[in-house]
Amino acid sequence: MKSEYLAYIIYPEPHGMEYFESDLRNSKQVIQLFDYCQILEAVINKEGWVYLIDKFGFEKLFEFNNISGWKDCESLSEYKLDIKNEINRT
């Protein structure tokens, strides 16, 4: 496991918490992270997106997103484009 964090959440205050591979191994953990991202309390870095895409693939991440309600994408192709733009911003 790499020691570089993949995502960050602002809680618990005052220092927040870093997410590593071990924190993002199942759908429940990823959906929870997406929930925090939706309310702007967490951010996924470029390495985090690479890990999530490699581990789950775009189709599963799109399913997780639809459960979470984070990104308002109507199709898998729209979701892929949105995530690629997200990666380029990080």
N, C-alpha and C. Protein backbone atom coordinates (compact mmCIF):
# COMPACT_ATOMS: atom_id res chain seq x y z
N MET A 1 0.83 -1.18 0.00
CA MET A 1 0.00 0.00 0.00
C MET A 1 0.88 1.25 0.00
N LYS A 2 0.53 2.21 -0.83
CA LYS A 2 1.26 3.46 -0.88
C LYS A 2 0.90 4.30 0.33
N SER A 3 1.83 5.16 0.74
CA SER A 3 1.56 6.00 1.90
C SER A 3 0.91 7.32 1.52
N GLU A 4 0.80 7.62 0.24
CA GLU A 4 0.18 8.86 -0.20
C GLU A 4 -1.34 8.75 -0.08
N TYR A 5 -1.95 9.78 0.47
CA TYR A 5 -3.40 9.72 0.62
C TYR A 5 -4.10 9.94 -0.71
N LEU A 6 -5.33 9.42 -0.82
CA LEU A 6 -6.10 9.44 -2.06
C LEU A 6 -7.25 10.43 -2.01
N ALA A 7 -7.70 10.74 -0.81
CA ALA A 7 -8.79 11.69 -0.62
C ALA A 7 -8.64 12.30 0.76
N TYR A 8 -9.36 13.38 0.96
CA TYR A 8 -9.28 14.09 2.23
C TYR A 8 -10.66 14.60 2.62
N ILE A 9 -10.99 14.46 3.89
CA ILE A 9 -12.25 14.99 4.43
C ILE A 9 -11.91 15.97 5.55
N ILE A 10 -12.69 17.01 5.66
CA ILE A 10 -12.37 18.07 6.62
C ILE A 10 -12.62 17.69 8.07
N TYR A 11 -13.32 16.58 8.30
CA TYR A 11 -13.60 16.13 9.66
C TYR A 11 -12.76 14.93 10.01
N PRO A 12 -12.45 14.66 11.24
CA PRO A 12 -12.79 15.46 12.42
C PRO A 12 -11.92 16.71 12.50
N GLU A 13 -12.53 17.77 12.95
CA GLU A 13 -11.79 19.02 13.11
C GLU A 13 -10.79 18.86 14.24
N PRO A 14 -9.72 19.53 14.28
CA PRO A 14 -9.34 20.60 13.37
C PRO A 14 -8.47 20.16 12.20
N HIS A 15 -8.09 18.88 12.15
CA HIS A 15 -7.10 18.44 11.15
C HIS A 15 -7.68 17.63 9.99
N GLY A 16 -8.89 17.16 10.12
CA GLY A 16 -9.46 16.34 9.06
C GLY A 16 -8.89 14.93 9.06
N MET A 17 -9.20 14.21 7.98
CA MET A 17 -8.76 12.82 7.87
C MET A 17 -8.39 12.51 6.43
N GLU A 18 -7.31 11.80 6.26
CA GLU A 18 -6.88 11.36 4.94
C GLU A 18 -7.39 9.95 4.68
N TYR A 19 -7.78 9.70 3.43
CA TYR A 19 -8.21 8.37 3.00
C TYR A 19 -7.08 7.71 2.22
N PHE A 20 -6.82 6.47 2.55
CA PHE A 20 -5.82 5.66 1.86
C PHE A 20 -6.52 4.49 1.17
N GLU A 21 -5.77 3.68 0.44
CA GLU A 21 -6.35 2.52 -0.24
C GLU A 21 -7.17 1.67 0.72
N SER A 22 -6.66 1.45 1.91
CA SER A 22 -7.36 0.61 2.88
C SER A 22 -8.70 1.20 3.32
N ASP A 23 -8.90 2.49 3.12
CA ASP A 23 -10.15 3.15 3.49
C ASP A 23 -11.17 3.14 2.36
N LEU A 24 -10.78 2.70 1.17
CA LEU A 24 -11.65 2.75 0.00
C LEU A 24 -11.70 1.41 -0.72
N ARG A 25 -11.90 0.35 0.03
CA ARG A 25 -11.86 -0.99 -0.55
C ARG A 25 -13.22 -1.56 -0.92
N ASN A 26 -14.30 -0.93 -0.45
CA ASN A 26 -15.62 -1.49 -0.77
C ASN A 26 -16.59 -0.38 -1.14
N SER A 27 -17.72 -0.78 -1.67
CA SER A 27 -18.70 0.18 -2.17
C SER A 27 -19.21 1.10 -1.08
N LYS A 28 -19.44 0.58 0.10
CA LYS A 28 -19.96 1.40 1.20
C LYS A 28 -19.01 2.55 1.52
N GLN A 29 -17.72 2.27 1.55
CA GLN A 29 -16.72 3.31 1.85
C GLN A 29 -16.68 4.37 0.75
N VAL A 30 -16.76 3.93 -0.50
CA VAL A 30 -16.71 4.87 -1.62
C VAL A 30 -17.98 5.72 -1.67
N ILE A 31 -19.12 5.12 -1.45
CA ILE A 31 -20.37 5.86 -1.44
C ILE A 31 -20.36 6.91 -0.33
N GLN A 32 -19.83 6.54 0.83
CA GLN A 32 -19.73 7.49 1.94
C GLN A 32 -18.83 8.67 1.55
N LEU A 33 -17.70 8.37 0.90
CA LEU A 33 -16.81 9.44 0.44
C LEU A 33 -17.53 10.33 -0.57
N PHE A 34 -18.24 9.74 -1.52
CA PHE A 34 -19.00 10.52 -2.50
C PHE A 34 -20.03 11.41 -1.81
N ASP A 35 -20.65 10.89 -0.74
CA ASP A 35 -21.61 11.70 0.01
C ASP A 35 -20.94 12.95 0.58
N TYR A 36 -19.76 12.77 1.13
CA TYR A 36 -19.02 13.92 1.68
C TYR A 36 -18.59 14.88 0.57
N CYS A 37 -18.20 14.34 -0.57
CA CYS A 37 -17.83 15.20 -1.70
C CYS A 37 -19.03 16.04 -2.16
N GLN A 38 -20.19 15.43 -2.14
CA GLN A 38 -21.41 16.11 -2.58
C GLN A 38 -21.68 17.37 -1.76
N ILE A 39 -21.37 17.34 -0.48
CA ILE A 39 -21.62 18.50 0.38
C ILE A 39 -20.33 19.30 0.63
N LEU A 40 -19.35 19.08 -0.25
CA LEU A 40 -18.09 19.85 -0.26
C LEU A 40 -17.28 19.71 1.03
N GLU A 41 -17.37 18.54 1.64
CA GLU A 41 -16.59 18.29 2.85
C GLU A 41 -15.43 17.34 2.59
N ALA A 42 -15.30 16.86 1.34
CA ALA A 42 -14.20 15.96 0.99
C ALA A 42 -13.78 16.24 -0.45
N VAL A 43 -12.56 15.84 -0.73
CA VAL A 43 -12.02 15.98 -2.09
C VAL A 43 -11.21 14.73 -2.41
N ILE A 44 -11.30 14.30 -3.66
CA ILE A 44 -10.54 13.14 -4.14
C ILE A 44 -9.44 13.68 -5.05
N ASN A 45 -8.20 13.30 -4.76
CA ASN A 45 -7.10 13.80 -5.59
C ASN A 45 -6.91 12.91 -6.83
N LYS A 46 -6.01 13.32 -7.69
CA LYS A 46 -5.78 12.59 -8.94
C LYS A 46 -5.43 11.13 -8.70
N GLU A 47 -4.54 10.87 -7.75
CA GLU A 47 -4.16 9.50 -7.44
C GLU A 47 -5.35 8.70 -6.91
N GLY A 48 -6.23 9.39 -6.19
CA GLY A 48 -7.44 8.74 -5.69
C GLY A 48 -8.36 8.29 -6.82
N TRP A 49 -8.53 9.17 -7.81
CA TRP A 49 -9.37 8.80 -8.96
C TRP A 49 -8.74 7.64 -9.73
N VAL A 50 -7.44 7.68 -9.92
CA VAL A 50 -6.77 6.58 -10.63
C VAL A 50 -7.00 5.26 -9.88
N TYR A 51 -6.84 5.29 -8.57
CA TYR A 51 -7.07 4.09 -7.76
C TYR A 51 -8.52 3.61 -7.90
N LEU A 52 -9.48 4.52 -7.74
CA LEU A 52 -10.89 4.14 -7.80
C LEU A 52 -11.27 3.57 -9.16
N ILE A 53 -10.78 4.19 -10.22
CA ILE A 53 -11.09 3.71 -11.57
C ILE A 53 -10.46 2.34 -11.80
N ASP A 54 -9.21 2.16 -11.37
CA ASP A 54 -8.55 0.86 -11.52
C ASP A 54 -9.25 -0.23 -10.70
N LYS A 55 -9.66 0.10 -9.50
CA LYS A 55 -10.26 -0.90 -8.61
C LYS A 55 -11.70 -1.23 -8.98
N PHE A 56 -12.50 -0.22 -9.29
CA PHE A 56 -13.93 -0.43 -9.50
C PHE A 56 -14.40 -0.28 -10.94
N GLY A 57 -13.69 0.52 -11.72
CA GLY A 57 -14.12 0.80 -13.09
C GLY A 57 -15.18 1.89 -13.11
N PHE A 58 -15.33 2.51 -14.27
CA PHE A 58 -16.28 3.61 -14.40
C PHE A 58 -17.73 3.18 -14.16
N GLU A 59 -18.08 1.98 -14.63
CA GLU A 59 -19.48 1.53 -14.49
C GLU A 59 -19.89 1.42 -13.03
N LYS A 60 -19.05 0.79 -12.20
CA LYS A 60 -19.35 0.66 -10.77
C LYS A 60 -19.34 2.02 -10.09
N LEU A 61 -18.36 2.87 -10.43
CA LEU A 61 -18.32 4.20 -9.83
C LEU A 61 -19.57 5.00 -10.20
N PHE A 62 -20.06 4.83 -11.42
CA PHE A 62 -21.29 5.49 -11.83
C PHE A 62 -22.47 4.98 -10.99
N GLU A 63 -22.51 3.68 -10.72
CA GLU A 63 -23.55 3.12 -9.85
C GLU A 63 -23.45 3.71 -8.44
N PHE A 64 -22.21 3.76 -7.91
CA PHE A 64 -22.02 4.34 -6.58
C PHE A 64 -22.47 5.80 -6.56
N ASN A 65 -22.12 6.53 -7.61
CA ASN A 65 -22.51 7.92 -7.72
C ASN A 65 -24.03 8.06 -7.71
N ASN A 66 -24.73 7.20 -8.42
CA ASN A 66 -26.18 7.27 -8.47
C ASN A 66 -26.81 6.97 -7.12
N ILE A 67 -26.19 6.11 -6.36
CA ILE A 67 -26.67 5.83 -4.99
C ILE A 67 -26.44 7.06 -4.12
N SER A 68 -25.26 7.65 -4.25
CA SER A 68 -24.90 8.82 -3.45
C SER A 68 -25.65 10.07 -3.90
N GLY A 69 -25.82 10.22 -5.19
CA GLY A 69 -26.43 11.44 -5.71
C GLY A 69 -25.48 12.60 -5.83
N TRP A 70 -24.17 12.31 -5.85
CA TRP A 70 -23.17 13.38 -5.89
C TRP A 70 -23.21 14.14 -7.20
N LYS A 71 -22.87 13.49 -8.28
CA LYS A 71 -22.79 14.16 -9.58
C LYS A 71 -24.06 13.90 -10.37
N ASP A 72 -24.57 14.96 -10.96
CA ASP A 72 -25.82 14.88 -11.70
C ASP A 72 -25.54 14.51 -13.16
N CYS A 73 -25.27 13.23 -13.38
CA CYS A 73 -24.96 12.73 -14.73
C CYS A 73 -26.03 11.72 -15.12
N GLU A 74 -26.55 11.88 -16.32
CA GLU A 74 -27.63 11.01 -16.77
C GLU A 74 -27.14 9.74 -17.47
N SER A 75 -25.89 9.72 -17.90
CA SER A 75 -25.38 8.55 -18.61
C SER A 75 -23.95 8.26 -18.18
N LEU A 76 -23.53 7.05 -18.47
CA LEU A 76 -22.16 6.64 -18.16
C LEU A 76 -21.16 7.51 -18.93
N SER A 77 -21.44 7.80 -20.18
CA SER A 77 -20.50 8.62 -20.97
C SER A 77 -20.39 10.03 -20.39
N GLU A 78 -21.49 10.59 -19.93
CA GLU A 78 -21.45 11.91 -19.30
C GLU A 78 -20.65 11.85 -17.99
N TYR A 79 -20.83 10.77 -17.23
CA TYR A 79 -20.10 10.58 -15.99
C TYR A 79 -18.59 10.47 -16.24
N LYS A 80 -18.22 9.69 -17.25
CA LYS A 80 -16.79 9.54 -17.58
C LYS A 80 -16.17 10.88 -17.92
N LEU A 81 -16.85 11.67 -18.71
CA LEU A 81 -16.35 12.99 -19.08
C LEU A 81 -16.22 13.88 -17.84
N ASP A 82 -17.20 13.84 -16.96
CA ASP A 82 -17.16 14.64 -15.75
C ASP A 82 -15.98 14.24 -14.86
N ILE A 83 -15.75 12.95 -14.72
CA ILE A 83 -14.64 12.47 -13.90
C ILE A 83 -13.29 12.84 -14.53
N LYS A 84 -13.18 12.71 -15.84
CA LYS A 84 -11.94 13.10 -16.51
C LYS A 84 -11.66 14.58 -16.32
N ASN A 85 -12.70 15.42 -16.34
CA ASN A 85 -12.54 16.84 -16.06
C ASN A 85 -12.14 17.06 -14.60
N GLU A 86 -12.72 16.29 -13.72
CA GLU A 86 -12.39 16.37 -12.28
C GLU A 86 -10.91 16.04 -12.07
N ILE A 87 -10.43 15.02 -12.74
CA ILE A 87 -9.02 14.62 -12.63
C ILE A 87 -8.11 15.73 -13.13
N ASN A 88 -8.47 16.36 -14.23
CA ASN A 88 -7.66 17.43 -14.80
C ASN A 88 -7.62 18.67 -13.91
N ARG A 89 -8.64 18.85 -13.05
CA ARG A 89 -8.68 19.99 -12.13
C ARG A 89 -7.84 19.77 -10.90
N THR A 90 -7.56 18.50 -10.56
CA THR A 90 -6.83 18.23 -9.33
C THR A 90 -5.34 18.29 -9.53
